[in-house]
Amino acid sequence: MTENKNFKFDFAVGGQAVIEGVMMRSPAFVTVSVRNEKGEIKSKEDPYLSLTKRLKLLGLPFVRGVVGLFEMMFVGIKALNFSAGVFANKEDVENRTKKQKIIEAVMLATSFIIAIGLSIFLFKFLPLWITDFLSGIYNPIKNSFLYNLIDGVLKTSFFILYIALLNLMPSIKRVFEYHGAEHKSIFTYEKGLPLTVENAKKQSRFHPRCGTSFILIVFMISILIYTMLPRDPDFMTSFLQRLALLPVIAAVSYEFLKFSAKNIENRWMKFAVWPGLKFQLLTTREPDDKQLEVGLHALSRALELEGNSISAQGEFPVP
């Protein structure tokens, strides 16, 4: 494995667990490493420059969060599709015809739309509908504060229950183990340690910049924002108001996540991120050595590509 001391970088690396593998994203590259049924690690490496880097306006605070959220959903679904291909023993996943690439693009777009639609239904429409129904039975719930508070508690409960149910599926448990491997690999890099399995095993599987922590932060901030809204008696108007405020909530949540990661040693910040870290008890599991090896492989390749790119630009030599 690569020794991190050879990489003179100072940037954040993010990632995601996929089917029998890990995706890592550095500033200019996305790498996916997956272990197939033969025990081999197959990798896919692509250059990827965020829109927030290409267009200065999209990189502004409170704008970059919304852009980044959609980008990560797109990149994540693409990585999942690759891992599914490797897991299904499709050895030609990188040698597709033009027709196959078009079909894959259509499927990717469809998956993206379905994922957004299902999320909106489960965590926006349904909790609000139940709250509205209850307000017709219990008059005190018509109070704007109580109405919005119950809606917020319901959608947060739905999300926690959804993740808890996923834990009952053996295949999802494997994904959560790779999620733990992703976090441990990133912690090893952030501490400047050589990227070895032994070093990664000692790291925590709970990371403050985790995507599931971000989702929980979104729910918490949405409760705060929605409770300040006057309740509209018309259900669809209330629902559309919430949809319209989603970009604002995502933007504020993203900035909070970045700020908390930079100030994690502050005792008040530790208290603020505590629920998200504890929630990772559900979304991560302790990985085995082979899973850590896959996570470290994806991270090493991303760092090597960044090193080659920076070296080529003449900024500093990379050993």
C-alpha atoms as a PDB file:
ATOM      1  CA  MET A   1       0.000   0.000   0.000  1.00  0.00           C
ATOM      2  CA  THR A   2       0.985   3.603  -0.554  1.00  0.00           C
ATOM      3  CA  GLU A   3       2.668   5.441   2.247  1.00  0.00           C
ATOM      4  CA  ASN A   4       0.784   8.652   2.821  1.00  0.00           C
ATOM      5  CA  LYS A   5       3.938  10.515   3.889  1.00  0.00           C
ATOM      6  CA  ASN A   6       4.947  10.558   0.201  1.00  0.00           C
ATOM      7  CA  PHE A   7       1.878  12.550  -0.730  1.00  0.00           C
ATOM      8  CA  LYS A   8       2.234  16.195   0.217  1.00  0.00           C
ATOM      9  CA  PHE A   9      -1.467  16.925  -0.110  1.00  0.00           C
ATOM     10  CA  ASP A  10      -3.801  18.948   2.038  1.00  0.00           C
ATOM     11  CA  PHE A  11      -7.293  18.370   0.713  1.00  0.00           C
ATOM     12  CA  ALA A  12     -10.399  16.543   1.823  1.00  0.00           C
ATOM     13  CA  VAL A  13     -11.189  13.137   0.384  1.00  0.00           C
ATOM     14  CA  GLY A  14     -14.707  11.767   0.419  1.00  0.00           C
ATOM     15  CA  GLY A  15     -16.139   8.412  -0.450  1.00  0.00           C
ATOM     16  CA  GLN A  16     -18.998   5.979  -0.548  1.00  0.00           C
ATOM     17  CA  ALA A  17     -19.517   2.274  -0.027  1.00  0.00           C
ATOM     18  CA  VAL A  18     -20.697   0.314  -3.066  1.00  0.00           C
ATOM     19  CA  ILE A  19     -21.435  -3.360  -3.739  1.00  0.00           C
ATOM     20  CA  GLU A  20     -18.362  -5.249  -2.485  1.00  0.00           C
ATOM     21  CA  GLY A  21     -16.248  -2.126  -2.775  1.00  0.00           C
ATOM     22  CA  VAL A  22     -15.536   1.519  -2.104  1.00  0.00           C
ATOM     23  CA  MET A  23     -15.642   4.697  -4.166  1.00  0.00           C
ATOM     24  CA  MET A  24     -13.217   7.500  -3.312  1.00  0.00           C
ATOM     25  CA  ARG A  25     -13.385  11.056  -4.594  1.00  0.00           C
ATOM     26  CA  SER A  26     -10.420  13.407  -4.495  1.00  0.00           C
ATOM     27  CA  PRO A  27     -10.471  16.958  -5.927  1.00  0.00           C
ATOM     28  CA  ALA A  28      -9.885  15.847  -9.538  1.00  0.00           C
ATOM     29  CA  PHE A  29     -10.582  12.103  -9.640  1.00  0.00           C
ATOM     30  CA  VAL A  30     -13.137   9.455  -8.783  1.00  0.00           C
ATOM     31  CA  THR A  31     -11.851   5.923  -8.183  1.00  0.00           C
ATOM     32  CA  VAL A  32     -13.931   2.814  -7.523  1.00  0.00           C
ATOM     33  CA  SER A  33     -12.383  -0.445  -6.314  1.00  0.00           C
ATOM     34  CA  VAL A  34     -14.474  -3.628  -6.135  1.00  0.00           C
ATOM     35  CA  ARG A  35     -13.553  -7.196  -5.198  1.00  0.00           C
ATOM     36  CA  ASN A  36     -15.037  -9.730  -7.610  1.00  0.00           C
ATOM     37  CA  GLU A  37     -16.002 -13.344  -6.889  1.00  0.00           C
ATOM     38  CA  LYS A  38     -12.472 -14.511  -7.767  1.00  0.00           C
ATOM     39  CA  GLY A  39     -11.077 -12.334  -4.998  1.00  0.00           C
ATOM     40  CA  GLU A  40      -9.474  -9.859  -7.430  1.00  0.00           C
ATOM     41  CA  ILE A  41      -9.770  -6.090  -6.970  1.00  0.00           C
ATOM     42  CA  LYS A  42     -11.123  -4.404 -10.083  1.00  0.00           C
ATOM     43  CA  SER A  43     -10.848  -0.618 -10.333  1.00  0.00           C
ATOM     44  CA  LYS A  44     -12.369   2.178 -12.357  1.00  0.00           C
ATOM     45  CA  GLU A  45     -10.650   5.566 -12.403  1.00  0.00           C
ATOM     46  CA  ASP A  46     -12.067   8.716 -13.947  1.00  0.00           C
ATOM     47  CA  PRO A  47     -11.062  12.369 -13.891  1.00  0.00           C
ATOM     48  CA  TYR A  48     -13.836  14.436 -12.375  1.00  0.00           C
ATOM     49  CA  LEU A  49     -13.769  18.162 -11.774  1.00  0.00           C
ATOM     50  CA  SER A  50     -16.702  19.471  -9.789  1.00  0.00           C
ATOM     51  CA  LEU A  51     -18.920  22.174 -11.238  1.00  0.00           C
ATOM     52  CA  THR A  52     -18.028  24.214  -8.152  1.00  0.00           C
ATOM     53  CA  LYS A  53     -14.439  24.283  -9.466  1.00  0.00           C
ATOM     54  CA  ARG A  54     -15.361  24.900 -13.106  1.00  0.00           C
ATOM     55  CA  LEU A  55     -17.740  27.784 -12.436  1.00  0.00           C
ATOM     56  CA  LYS A  56     -16.734  30.256  -9.735  1.00  0.00           C
ATOM     57  CA  LEU A  57     -20.340  31.252  -9.018  1.00  0.00           C
ATOM     58  CA  LEU A  58     -21.276  27.649  -8.161  1.00  0.00           C
ATOM     59  CA  GLY A  59     -18.417  27.468  -5.673  1.00  0.00           C
ATOM     60  CA  LEU A  60     -19.767  30.240  -3.468  1.00  0.00           C
ATOM     61  CA  PRO A  61     -20.863  29.362   0.089  1.00  0.00           C
ATOM     62  CA  PHE A  62     -24.520  28.268   0.308  1.00  0.00           C
ATOM     63  CA  VAL A  63     -24.479  27.532  -3.443  1.00  0.00           C
ATOM     64  CA  ARG A  64     -21.795  24.821  -3.460  1.00  0.00           C
ATOM     65  CA  GLY A  65     -23.771  22.654  -1.054  1.00  0.00           C
ATOM     66  CA  VAL A  66     -26.736  22.247  -3.401  1.00  0.00           C
ATOM     67  CA  VAL A  67     -24.486  21.604  -6.397  1.00  0.00           C
ATOM     68  CA  GLY A  68     -22.357  19.151  -4.431  1.00  0.00           C
ATOM     69  CA  LEU A  69     -25.389  17.215  -3.208  1.00  0.00           C
ATOM     70  CA  PHE A  70     -26.647  16.517  -6.726  1.00  0.00           C
ATOM     71  CA  GLU A  71     -23.144  15.769  -7.984  1.00  0.00           C
ATOM     72  CA  MET A  72     -22.527  13.205  -5.268  1.00  0.00           C
ATOM     73  CA  MET A  73     -25.853  11.511  -5.969  1.00  0.00           C
ATOM     74  CA  PHE A  74     -24.950  11.245  -9.653  1.00  0.00           C
ATOM     75  CA  VAL A  75     -21.385  10.046  -9.001  1.00  0.00           C
ATOM     76  CA  GLY A  76     -22.605   7.631  -6.329  1.00  0.00           C
ATOM     77  CA  ILE A  77     -25.200   5.970  -8.555  1.00  0.00           C
ATOM     78  CA  LYS A  78     -22.634   5.656 -11.338  1.00  0.00           C
ATOM     79  CA  ALA A  79     -20.191   3.981  -8.926  1.00  0.00           C
ATOM     80  CA  LEU A  80     -22.930   1.608  -7.755  1.00  0.00           C
ATOM     81  CA  ASN A  81     -23.674   0.618 -11.356  1.00  0.00           C
ATOM     82  CA  PHE A  82     -19.988  -0.193 -11.944  1.00  0.00           C
ATOM     83  CA  SER A  83     -19.768  -2.272  -8.759  1.00  0.00           C
ATOM     84  CA  ALA A  84     -22.924  -4.158  -9.710  1.00  0.00           C
ATOM     85  CA  GLY A  85     -21.337  -4.998 -13.074  1.00  0.00           C
ATOM     86  CA  VAL A  86     -18.159  -6.308 -11.444  1.00  0.00           C
ATOM     87  CA  PHE A  87     -20.174  -8.262  -8.867  1.00  0.00           C
ATOM     88  CA  ALA A  88     -22.222  -9.829 -11.681  1.00  0.00           C
ATOM     89  CA  ASN A  89     -18.964 -10.974 -13.354  1.00  0.00           C
ATOM     90  CA  LYS A  90     -19.367  -8.678 -16.364  1.00  0.00           C
ATOM     91  CA  GLU A  91     -15.716  -8.533 -17.325  1.00  0.00           C
ATOM     92  CA  ASP A  92     -16.389  -6.152 -20.184  1.00  0.00           C
ATOM     93  CA  VAL A  93     -17.750  -3.318 -18.002  1.00  0.00           C
ATOM     94  CA  GLU A  94     -15.057  -0.986 -19.386  1.00  0.00           C
ATOM     95  CA  ASN A  95     -15.369  -2.126 -23.025  1.00  0.00           C
ATOM     96  CA  ARG A  96     -18.952  -1.281 -23.822  1.00  0.00           C
ATOM     97  CA  THR A  97     -20.360  -0.415 -27.205  1.00  0.00           C
ATOM     98  CA  LYS A  98     -21.876   2.976 -27.927  1.00  0.00           C
ATOM     99  CA  LYS A  99     -25.354   1.457 -27.671  1.00  0.00           C
ATOM    100  CA  GLN A 100     -24.536  -0.041 -24.263  1.00  0.00           C
ATOM    101  CA  LYS A 101     -23.224   3.313 -23.024  1.00  0.00           C
ATOM    102  CA  ILE A 102     -26.451   5.031 -24.142  1.00  0.00           C
ATOM    103  CA  ILE A 103     -28.541   2.385 -22.367  1.00  0.00           C
ATOM    104  CA  GLU A 104     -26.413   2.795 -19.244  1.00  0.00           C
ATOM    105  CA  ALA A 105     -26.838   6.584 -19.362  1.00  0.00           C
ATOM    106  CA  VAL A 106     -30.625   6.196 -19.616  1.00  0.00           C
ATOM    107  CA  MET A 107     -30.638   3.724 -16.716  1.00  0.00           C
ATOM    108  CA  LEU A 108     -28.433   6.059 -14.689  1.00  0.00           C
ATOM    109  CA  ALA A 109     -30.797   8.991 -15.260  1.00  0.00           C
ATOM    110  CA  THR A 110     -33.787   6.794 -14.430  1.00  0.00           C
ATOM    111  CA  SER A 111     -32.140   5.563 -11.211  1.00  0.00           C
ATOM    112  CA  PHE A 112     -31.358   9.168 -10.276  1.00  0.00           C
ATOM    113  CA  ILE A 113     -34.974  10.270 -10.800  1.00  0.00           C
ATOM    114  CA  ILE A 114     -36.393   7.259  -8.926  1.00  0.00           C
ATOM    115  CA  ALA A 115     -34.018   7.816  -5.990  1.00  0.00           C
ATOM    116  CA  ILE A 116     -35.056  11.472  -5.686  1.00  0.00           C
ATOM    117  CA  GLY A 117     -38.748  10.657  -6.131  1.00  0.00           C
ATOM    118  CA  LEU A 118     -38.700   7.900  -3.507  1.00  0.00           C
ATOM    119  CA  SER A 119     -36.825  10.109  -1.032  1.00  0.00           C
ATOM    120  CA  ILE A 120     -39.309  12.947  -1.482  1.00  0.00           C
ATOM    121  CA  PHE A 121     -42.260  10.578  -1.019  1.00  0.00           C
ATOM    122  CA  LEU A 122     -40.908   8.773   2.066  1.00  0.00           C
ATOM    123  CA  PHE A 123     -39.311  11.686   3.880  1.00  0.00           C
ATOM    124  CA  LYS A 124     -41.343  14.677   2.720  1.00  0.00           C
ATOM    125  CA  PHE A 125     -44.806  13.799   1.402  1.00  0.00           C
ATOM    126  CA  LEU A 126     -45.739  10.903   3.708  1.00  0.00           C
ATOM    127  CA  PRO A 127     -44.728  12.501   7.058  1.00  0.00           C
ATOM    128  CA  LEU A 128     -46.498  15.740   6.108  1.00  0.00           C
ATOM    129  CA  TRP A 129     -49.616  13.854   4.994  1.00  0.00           C
ATOM    130  CA  ILE A 130     -49.759  11.949   8.305  1.00  0.00           C
ATOM    131  CA  THR A 131     -49.255  15.188  10.255  1.00  0.00           C
ATOM    132  CA  ASP A 132     -52.008  16.878   8.251  1.00  0.00           C
ATOM    133  CA  PHE A 133     -54.307  13.918   8.866  1.00  0.00           C
ATOM    134  CA  LEU A 134     -53.621  14.035  12.616  1.00  0.00           C
ATOM    135  CA  SER A 135     -54.272  17.789  12.688  1.00  0.00           C
ATOM    136  CA  GLY A 136     -57.795  17.082  11.445  1.00  0.00           C
ATOM    137  CA  ILE A 137     -58.373  14.757  14.406  1.00  0.00           C
ATOM    138  CA  TYR A 138     -56.505  16.605  17.160  1.00  0.00           C
ATOM    139  CA  ASN A 139     -57.148  20.338  17.039  1.00  0.00           C
ATOM    140  CA  PRO A 140     -53.984  21.402  19.002  1.00  0.00           C
ATOM    141  CA  ILE A 141     -51.808  20.071  16.158  1.00  0.00           C
ATOM    142  CA  LYS A 142     -53.167  22.882  13.974  1.00  0.00           C
ATOM    143  CA  ASN A 143     -50.739  25.140  15.850  1.00  0.00           C
ATOM    144  CA  SER A 144     -47.939  25.991  13.382  1.00  0.00           C
ATOM    145  CA  PHE A 145     -45.094  25.169  15.760  1.00  0.00           C
ATOM    146  CA  LEU A 146     -46.528  21.828  16.870  1.00  0.00           C
ATOM    147  CA  TYR A 147     -47.593  20.928  13.321  1.00  0.00           C
ATOM    148  CA  ASN A 148     -44.108  21.476  11.906  1.00  0.00           C
ATOM    149  CA  LEU A 149     -42.432  19.831  14.888  1.00  0.00           C
ATOM    150  CA  ILE A 150     -44.472  16.624  14.492  1.00  0.00           C
ATOM    151  CA  ASP A 151     -43.745  16.600  10.764  1.00  0.00           C
ATOM    152  CA  GLY A 152     -40.018  16.883  11.498  1.00  0.00           C
ATOM    153  CA  VAL A 153     -40.040  14.155  14.154  1.00  0.00           C
ATOM    154  CA  LEU A 154     -41.975  11.828  11.834  1.00  0.00           C
ATOM    155  CA  LYS A 155     -39.636  12.201   8.863  1.00  0.00           C
ATOM    156  CA  THR A 156     -36.558  11.738  11.068  1.00  0.00           C
ATOM    157  CA  SER A 157     -38.142   8.631  12.605  1.00  0.00           C
ATOM    158  CA  PHE A 158     -38.991   7.297   9.134  1.00  0.00           C
ATOM    159  CA  PHE A 159     -35.381   7.691   8.046  1.00  0.00           C
ATOM    160  CA  ILE A 160     -33.977   5.956  11.132  1.00  0.00           C
ATOM    161  CA  LEU A 161     -36.514   3.135  10.745  1.00  0.00           C
ATOM    162  CA  TYR A 162     -35.638   2.836   7.053  1.00  0.00           C
ATOM    163  CA  ILE A 163     -31.922   2.432   7.853  1.00  0.00           C
ATOM    164  CA  ALA A 164     -32.707  -0.001  10.692  1.00  0.00           C
ATOM    165  CA  LEU A 165     -34.744  -2.190   8.308  1.00  0.00           C
ATOM    166  CA  LEU A 166     -31.910  -2.138   5.761  1.00  0.00           C
ATOM    167  CA  ASN A 167     -29.668  -3.622   8.452  1.00  0.00           C
ATOM    168  CA  LEU A 168     -31.791  -6.773   8.349  1.00  0.00           C
ATOM    169  CA  MET A 169     -30.617  -7.499   4.797  1.00  0.00           C
ATOM    170  CA  PRO A 170     -27.307  -9.457   4.620  1.00  0.00           C
ATOM    171  CA  SER A 171     -26.264  -7.736   1.378  1.00  0.00           C
ATOM    172  CA  ILE A 172     -26.769  -4.292   2.926  1.00  0.00           C
ATOM    173  CA  LYS A 173     -24.794  -5.347   5.995  1.00  0.00           C
ATOM    174  CA  ARG A 174     -21.877  -5.997   3.633  1.00  0.00           C
ATOM    175  CA  VAL A 175     -22.272  -2.493   2.173  1.00  0.00           C
ATOM    176  CA  PHE A 176     -22.255  -1.007   5.682  1.00  0.00           C
ATOM    177  CA  GLU A 177     -19.020  -2.925   6.406  1.00  0.00           C
ATOM    178  CA  TYR A 178     -17.465  -1.341   3.321  1.00  0.00           C
ATOM    179  CA  HIS A 179     -18.811   1.981   4.610  1.00  0.00           C
ATOM    180  CA  GLY A 180     -16.758   1.399   7.748  1.00  0.00           C
ATOM    181  CA  ALA A 181     -13.736   0.541   5.576  1.00  0.00           C
ATOM    182  CA  GLU A 182     -14.178   3.816   3.689  1.00  0.00           C
ATOM    183  CA  HIS A 183     -14.168   5.858   6.907  1.00  0.00           C
ATOM    184  CA  LYS A 184     -11.190   4.039   8.389  1.00  0.00           C
ATOM    185  CA  SER A 185      -9.206   4.482   5.160  1.00  0.00           C
ATOM    186  CA  ILE A 186      -9.920   8.223   5.062  1.00  0.00           C
ATOM    187  CA  PHE A 187      -8.986   8.649   8.732  1.00  0.00           C
ATOM    188  CA  THR A 188      -5.668   6.896   8.028  1.00  0.00           C
ATOM    189  CA  TYR A 189      -4.961   9.387   5.225  1.00  0.00           C
ATOM    190  CA  GLU A 190      -6.051  12.400   7.299  1.00  0.00           C
ATOM    191  CA  LYS A 191      -3.699  11.399  10.125  1.00  0.00           C
ATOM    192  CA  GLY A 192      -0.789  11.181   7.694  1.00  0.00           C
ATOM    193  CA  LEU A 193      -0.201   7.481   8.317  1.00  0.00           C
ATOM    194  CA  PRO A 194       0.963   4.915   5.766  1.00  0.00           C
ATOM    195  CA  LEU A 195      -2.102   3.443   4.060  1.00  0.00           C
ATOM    196  CA  THR A 196      -1.840  -0.062   5.477  1.00  0.00           C
ATOM    197  CA  VAL A 197      -4.495  -2.416   6.798  1.00  0.00           C
ATOM    198  CA  GLU A 198      -2.850  -2.443  10.222  1.00  0.00           C
ATOM    199  CA  ASN A 199      -3.035   1.353  10.499  1.00  0.00           C
ATOM    200  CA  ALA A 200      -6.598   1.484   9.172  1.00  0.00           C
ATOM    201  CA  LYS A 201      -7.833  -1.132  11.649  1.00  0.00           C
ATOM    202  CA  LYS A 202      -6.991   1.216  14.536  1.00  0.00           C
ATOM    203  CA  GLN A 203      -9.122   4.077  13.180  1.00  0.00           C
ATOM    204  CA  SER A 204     -12.711   4.935  14.060  1.00  0.00           C
ATOM    205  CA  ARG A 205     -15.497   3.924  11.710  1.00  0.00           C
ATOM    206  CA  PHE A 206     -17.418   7.098  12.626  1.00  0.00           C
ATOM    207  CA  HIS A 207     -16.514  10.127  10.514  1.00  0.00           C
ATOM    208  CA  PRO A 208     -17.884  13.672  11.068  1.00  0.00           C
ATOM    209  CA  ARG A 209     -18.172  14.357   7.311  1.00  0.00           C
ATOM    210  CA  CYS A 210     -20.194  11.214   6.602  1.00  0.00           C
ATOM    211  CA  GLY A 211     -23.085  11.513   4.158  1.00  0.00           C
ATOM    212  CA  THR A 212     -25.527   9.906   6.582  1.00  0.00           C
ATOM    213  CA  SER A 213     -24.535  12.497   9.199  1.00  0.00           C
ATOM    214  CA  PHE A 214     -25.250  15.129   6.556  1.00  0.00           C
ATOM    215  CA  ILE A 215     -28.746  13.711   6.003  1.00  0.00           C
ATOM    216  CA  LEU A 216     -29.442  13.769   9.731  1.00  0.00           C
ATOM    217  CA  ILE A 217     -28.217  17.377   9.873  1.00  0.00           C
ATOM    218  CA  VAL A 218     -30.600  18.179   6.994  1.00  0.00           C
ATOM    219  CA  PHE A 219     -33.496  16.763   9.013  1.00  0.00           C
ATOM    220  CA  MET A 220     -32.526  18.683  12.156  1.00  0.00           C
ATOM    221  CA  ILE A 221     -32.101  21.996  10.318  1.00  0.00           C
ATOM    222  CA  SER A 222     -35.323  21.454   8.373  1.00  0.00           C
ATOM    223  CA  ILE A 223     -37.181  21.068  11.679  1.00  0.00           C
ATOM    224  CA  LEU A 224     -35.751  24.412  12.855  1.00  0.00           C
ATOM    225  CA  ILE A 225     -36.614  26.196   9.608  1.00  0.00           C
ATOM    226  CA  TYR A 226     -40.066  24.675   9.147  1.00  0.00           C
ATOM    227  CA  THR A 227     -41.136  25.425  12.719  1.00  0.00           C
ATOM    228  CA  MET A 228     -40.659  29.095  11.899  1.00  0.00           C
ATOM    229  CA  LEU A 229     -43.052  28.840   8.952  1.00  0.00           C
ATOM    230  CA  PRO A 230     -46.703  29.773   9.459  1.00  0.00           C
ATOM    231  CA  ARG A 231     -48.839  26.718   8.736  1.00  0.00           C
ATOM    232  CA  ASP A 232     -50.811  26.844   5.491  1.00  0.00           C
ATOM    233  CA  PRO A 233     -54.180  25.052   5.797  1.00  0.00           C
ATOM    234  CA  ASP A 234     -53.850  23.712   2.253  1.00  0.00           C
ATOM    235  CA  PHE A 235     -51.849  20.464   2.254  1.00  0.00           C
ATOM    236  CA  MET A 236     -50.370  20.798  -1.245  1.00  0.00           C
ATOM    237  CA  THR A 237     -49.295  24.394  -0.573  1.00  0.00           C
ATOM    238  CA  SER A 238     -47.468  23.257   2.580  1.00  0.00           C
ATOM    239  CA  PHE A 239     -45.842  20.405   0.660  1.00  0.00           C
ATOM    240  CA  LEU A 240     -44.674  22.679  -2.170  1.00  0.00           C
ATOM    241  CA  GLN A 241     -43.331  25.207   0.350  1.00  0.00           C
ATOM    242  CA  ARG A 242     -41.175  22.477   1.839  1.00  0.00           C
ATOM    243  CA  LEU A 243     -39.909  21.392  -1.550  1.00  0.00           C
ATOM    244  CA  ALA A 244     -39.029  24.987  -2.416  1.00  0.00           C
ATOM    245  CA  LEU A 245     -37.010  25.320   0.795  1.00  0.00           C
ATOM    246  CA  LEU A 246     -35.018  22.111   0.229  1.00  0.00           C
ATOM    247  CA  PRO A 247     -32.117  23.878  -1.575  1.00  0.00           C
ATOM    248  CA  VAL A 248     -31.859  26.394   1.280  1.00  0.00           C
ATOM    249  CA  ILE A 249     -31.814  23.613   3.891  1.00  0.00           C
ATOM    250  CA  ALA A 250     -29.239  21.588   1.920  1.00  0.00           C
ATOM    251  CA  ALA A 251     -27.025  24.673   1.536  1.00  0.00           C
ATOM    252  CA  VAL A 252     -27.125  25.534   5.256  1.00  0.00           C
ATOM    253  CA  SER A 253     -26.543  21.877   6.212  1.00  0.00           C
ATOM    254  CA  TYR A 254     -23.529  21.584   3.918  1.00  0.00           C
ATOM    255  CA  GLU A 255     -21.908  24.707   5.354  1.00  0.00           C
ATOM    256  CA  PHE A 256     -22.543  23.443   8.876  1.00  0.00           C
ATOM    257  CA  LEU A 257     -20.961  20.083   8.001  1.00  0.00           C
ATOM    258  CA  LYS A 258     -17.830  21.775   6.604  1.00  0.00           C
ATOM    259  CA  PHE A 259     -17.596  24.128   9.578  1.00  0.00           C
ATOM    260  CA  SER A 260     -18.042  21.304  12.094  1.00  0.00           C
ATOM    261  CA  ALA A 261     -15.345  19.196  10.389  1.00  0.00           C
ATOM    262  CA  LYS A 262     -12.860  22.082  10.679  1.00  0.00           C
ATOM    263  CA  ASN A 263     -13.746  22.772  14.310  1.00  0.00           C
ATOM    264  CA  ILE A 264     -14.369  19.258  15.559  1.00  0.00           C
ATOM    265  CA  GLU A 265     -12.143  19.771  18.623  1.00  0.00           C
ATOM    266  CA  ASN A 266     -14.458  22.486  19.951  1.00  0.00           C
ATOM    267  CA  ARG A 267     -16.562  20.996  22.757  1.00  0.00           C
ATOM    268  CA  TRP A 268     -19.776  22.635  21.546  1.00  0.00           C
ATOM    269  CA  MET A 269     -19.145  21.355  18.037  1.00  0.00           C
ATOM    270  CA  LYS A 270     -18.533  17.862  19.406  1.00  0.00           C
ATOM    271  CA  PHE A 271     -21.946  18.089  21.074  1.00  0.00           C
ATOM    272  CA  ALA A 272     -23.550  19.303  17.819  1.00  0.00           C
ATOM    273  CA  VAL A 273     -22.170  16.459  15.679  1.00  0.00           C
ATOM    274  CA  TRP A 274     -22.729  13.774  18.331  1.00  0.00           C
ATOM    275  CA  PRO A 275     -26.154  12.648  16.970  1.00  0.00           C
ATOM    276  CA  GLY A 276     -24.712  12.183  13.468  1.00  0.00           C
ATOM    277  CA  LEU A 277     -21.773  10.164  14.764  1.00  0.00           C
ATOM    278  CA  LYS A 278     -24.067   7.972  16.862  1.00  0.00           C
ATOM    279  CA  PHE A 279     -26.357   7.466  13.882  1.00  0.00           C
ATOM    280  CA  GLN A 280     -23.399   5.875  12.104  1.00  0.00           C
ATOM    281  CA  LEU A 281     -23.807   2.944  14.502  1.00  0.00           C
ATOM    282  CA  LEU A 282     -26.574   1.963  12.077  1.00  0.00           C
ATOM    283  CA  THR A 283     -24.915   2.873   8.781  1.00  0.00           C
ATOM    284  CA  THR A 284     -21.406   1.479   9.393  1.00  0.00           C
ATOM    285  CA  ARG A 285     -20.055  -1.856  10.617  1.00  0.00           C
ATOM    286  CA  GLU A 286     -16.568  -3.041  11.468  1.00  0.00           C
ATOM    287  CA  PRO A 287     -14.868  -4.194   8.241  1.00  0.00           C
ATOM    288  CA  ASP A 288     -12.566  -7.182   7.883  1.00  0.00           C
ATOM    289  CA  ASP A 289      -9.015  -6.963   6.531  1.00  0.00           C
ATOM    290  CA  LYS A 290     -10.023  -7.714   2.940  1.00  0.00           C
ATOM    291  CA  GLN A 291     -12.626  -4.950   2.982  1.00  0.00           C
ATOM    292  CA  LEU A 292     -10.085  -2.508   4.389  1.00  0.00           C
ATOM    293  CA  GLU A 293      -7.710  -3.538   1.614  1.00  0.00           C
ATOM    294  CA  VAL A 294     -10.302  -2.565  -0.993  1.00  0.00           C
ATOM    295  CA  GLY A 295     -10.955   0.814   0.650  1.00  0.00           C
ATOM    296  CA  LEU A 296      -7.238   1.557   0.897  1.00  0.00           C
ATOM    297  CA  HIS A 297      -6.751   0.473  -2.721  1.00  0.00           C
ATOM    298  CA  ALA A 298      -9.366   2.972  -3.952  1.00  0.00           C
ATOM    299  CA  LEU A 299      -7.853   5.745  -1.821  1.00  0.00           C
ATOM    300  CA  SER A 300      -4.277   4.938  -2.893  1.00  0.00           C
ATOM    301  CA  ARG A 301      -5.224   5.102  -6.553  1.00  0.00           C
ATOM    302  CA  ALA A 302      -6.937   8.463  -6.052  1.00  0.00           C
ATOM    303  CA  LEU A 303      -3.868   9.862  -4.301  1.00  0.00           C
ATOM    304  CA  GLU A 304      -1.532   8.475  -6.961  1.00  0.00           C
ATOM    305  CA  LEU A 305      -3.600  10.073  -9.713  1.00  0.00           C
ATOM    306  CA  GLU A 306      -3.632  13.391  -7.853  1.00  0.00           C
ATOM    307  CA  GLY A 307       0.134  13.095  -7.384  1.00  0.00           C
ATOM    308  CA  ASN A 308       0.760  12.392 -11.056  1.00  0.00           C
ATOM    309  CA  SER A 309      -1.506  15.283 -12.050  1.00  0.00           C
ATOM    310  CA  ILE A 310       0.166  17.781  -9.698  1.00  0.00           C
ATOM    311  CA  SER A 311       3.635  16.558 -10.650  1.00  0.00           C
ATOM    312  CA  ALA A 312       2.818  16.985 -14.341  1.00  0.00           C
ATOM    313  CA  GLN A 313       1.835  20.593 -13.650  1.00  0.00           C
ATOM    314  CA  GLY A 314       5.245  21.179 -12.068  1.00  0.00           C
ATOM    315  CA  GLU A 315       3.930  22.257  -8.680  1.00  0.00           C
ATOM    316  CA  PHE A 316       6.163  19.856  -6.729  1.00  0.00           C
ATOM    317  CA  PRO A 317       7.825  16.506  -7.336  1.00  0.00           C
ATOM    318  CA  VAL A 318       6.029  13.381  -6.150  1.00  0.00           C
ATOM    319  CA  PRO A 319       8.276  10.406  -5.284  1.00  0.00           C
END
